[in-house]
Amino acid sequence: MGRNAADTLRSAVNLAPDQPTLRHEAVAAALEAGDPKAALELVDTAPPLLRSSGRLRLLAVRAALACGDRTRAAQILSSGIDVPDLREGETSLSDLWHDIHPDQPVPERYDFRTYTDGQPGY
């Protein structure tokens, strides 16, 4: 997505601030457009219930890392993120954990990778 798509989604969020999917898409679009500060602003201005959702917290970690705020990213990740619709094999949480804590094993709660040999890939 480009800058125009990110701007359009941000405007849509202003019209429907409580709509979670729209906000998730706007944050992701801002990240894809190379604007992590706008992504974090969309996270920080979300209503409290939405801000505590797992998907938005996952996006907040990505945005904080892209802004260079490893402390914020680590705090969010360490406090726990539950994203109920992550599929088996999705590595978004384990990849983030590995980026932030390269010398630590990925906690089971963040490890959705599938293993053909029974062994983790990191």
Protein backbone atom coordinates (compact mmCIF):
# COMPACT_ATOMS: atom_id res chain seq x y z
CA MET A 1 0.00 0.00 0.00
CA GLY A 2 1.17 3.47 -0.69
CA ARG A 3 0.96 6.77 1.08
CA ASN A 4 -2.46 7.57 -0.46
CA ALA A 5 -3.97 4.34 0.85
CA ALA A 6 -2.51 5.00 4.30
CA ASP A 7 -3.94 8.53 4.31
CA THR A 8 -7.36 7.31 3.15
CA LEU A 9 -7.47 4.64 5.85
CA ARG A 10 -6.40 7.15 8.49
CA SER A 11 -9.25 9.45 7.42
CA ALA A 12 -11.65 6.52 7.62
CA VAL A 13 -10.46 5.77 11.17
CA ASN A 14 -11.29 9.35 12.11
CA LEU A 15 -14.86 8.71 10.94
CA ALA A 16 -15.18 5.32 12.68
CA PRO A 17 -12.62 5.26 15.53
CA ASP A 18 -14.13 2.23 17.27
CA GLN A 19 -14.01 -0.05 14.22
CA PRO A 20 -11.15 -2.51 14.97
CA THR A 21 -10.54 -3.94 11.49
CA LEU A 22 -10.35 -0.49 9.96
CA ARG A 23 -7.84 0.66 12.58
CA HIS A 24 -5.75 -2.51 12.12
CA GLU A 25 -5.65 -1.91 8.37
CA ALA A 26 -4.75 1.76 8.87
CA VAL A 27 -1.86 0.91 11.19
CA ALA A 28 -0.59 -1.77 8.81
CA ALA A 29 -0.89 0.63 5.85
CA ALA A 30 1.06 3.32 7.70
CA LEU A 31 3.81 0.78 8.41
CA GLU A 32 3.87 -0.36 4.78
CA ALA A 33 4.05 3.26 3.65
CA GLY A 34 7.12 3.75 5.84
CA ASP A 35 5.44 5.94 8.44
CA PRO A 36 5.80 4.13 11.78
CA LYS A 37 5.16 7.34 13.75
CA ALA A 38 1.71 7.61 12.16
CA ALA A 39 1.18 3.93 12.93
CA LEU A 40 2.00 4.48 16.61
CA GLU A 41 -0.26 7.52 16.71
CA LEU A 42 -3.12 5.37 15.40
CA VAL A 43 -2.37 2.84 18.16
CA ASP A 44 -2.08 5.47 20.88
CA THR A 45 -5.32 7.23 19.94
CA ALA A 46 -7.39 4.04 19.82
CA PRO A 47 -10.12 3.65 22.42
CA PRO A 48 -8.79 1.74 25.48
CA LEU A 49 -10.66 -1.49 24.76
CA LEU A 50 -9.38 -1.56 21.20
CA ARG A 51 -5.86 -0.55 22.28
CA SER A 52 -5.72 -3.65 24.49
CA SER A 53 -6.61 -6.04 21.66
CA GLY A 54 -3.97 -8.55 20.68
CA ARG A 55 -3.89 -7.63 16.99
CA LEU A 56 -3.38 -3.93 17.72
CA ARG A 57 -0.72 -4.73 20.32
CA LEU A 58 1.09 -6.88 17.74
CA LEU A 59 1.01 -3.97 15.30
CA ALA A 60 2.20 -1.64 18.08
CA VAL A 61 5.30 -3.80 18.59
CA ARG A 62 6.06 -3.64 14.87
CA ALA A 63 5.56 0.14 14.84
CA ALA A 64 7.68 0.69 17.96
CA LEU A 65 10.51 -1.35 16.44
CA ALA A 66 10.26 0.59 13.18
CA CYS A 67 10.53 3.82 15.20
CA GLY A 68 13.59 2.48 16.98
CA ASP A 69 11.82 2.21 20.34
CA ARG A 70 13.02 -1.26 21.33
CA THR A 71 12.12 -0.62 24.98
CA ARG A 72 8.45 -0.01 24.16
CA ALA A 73 8.38 -2.98 21.80
CA ALA A 74 9.94 -5.26 24.42
CA GLN A 75 7.54 -4.07 27.13
CA ILE A 76 4.49 -4.77 25.01
CA LEU A 77 5.77 -8.16 23.90
CA SER A 78 6.88 -9.18 27.40
CA SER A 79 3.54 -8.18 28.94
CA GLY A 80 1.77 -10.69 26.72
CA ILE A 81 -0.04 -10.59 23.42
CA ASP A 82 -2.88 -12.93 22.56
CA VAL A 83 -4.10 -12.84 18.98
CA PRO A 84 -6.93 -15.36 18.75
CA ASP A 85 -6.97 -15.54 14.95
CA LEU A 86 -3.29 -16.36 14.36
CA ARG A 87 -2.99 -19.47 12.26
CA GLU A 88 -0.66 -22.36 12.81
CA GLY A 89 2.54 -21.65 10.97
CA GLU A 90 2.26 -17.86 11.28
CA THR A 91 5.55 -16.50 12.57
CA SER A 92 4.73 -12.84 13.29
CA LEU A 93 4.98 -13.19 17.08
CA SER A 94 7.95 -15.54 17.10
CA ASP A 95 9.79 -13.33 14.58
CA LEU A 96 9.20 -10.26 16.74
CA TRP A 97 10.35 -12.10 19.84
CA HIS A 98 13.51 -13.21 18.03
CA ASP A 99 14.16 -9.63 16.80
CA ILE A 100 13.85 -8.20 20.31
CA HIS A 101 15.37 -11.10 22.28
CA PRO A 102 17.76 -12.83 19.85
CA ASP A 103 19.51 -14.78 22.63
CA GLN A 104 16.33 -16.10 24.26
CA PRO A 105 14.14 -18.97 23.13
CA VAL A 106 10.72 -18.08 21.80
CA PRO A 107 8.08 -18.68 24.50
CA GLU A 108 5.56 -21.36 23.62
CA ARG A 109 2.72 -18.83 23.69
CA TYR A 110 4.35 -17.02 20.73
CA ASP A 111 5.46 -20.06 18.77
CA PHE A 112 2.94 -21.02 16.08
CA ARG A 113 5.54 -22.45 13.73
CA THR A 114 5.01 -25.93 12.42
CA TYR A 115 7.87 -28.37 12.70
CA THR A 116 8.42 -31.17 10.27
CA ASP A 117 11.16 -32.69 12.42
CA GLY A 118 9.76 -31.73 15.84
CA GLN A 119 12.48 -29.12 16.36
CA PRO A 120 12.19 -25.30 16.33
CA GLY A 121 13.87 -23.45 13.49
CA TYR A 122 15.59 -20.72 15.52
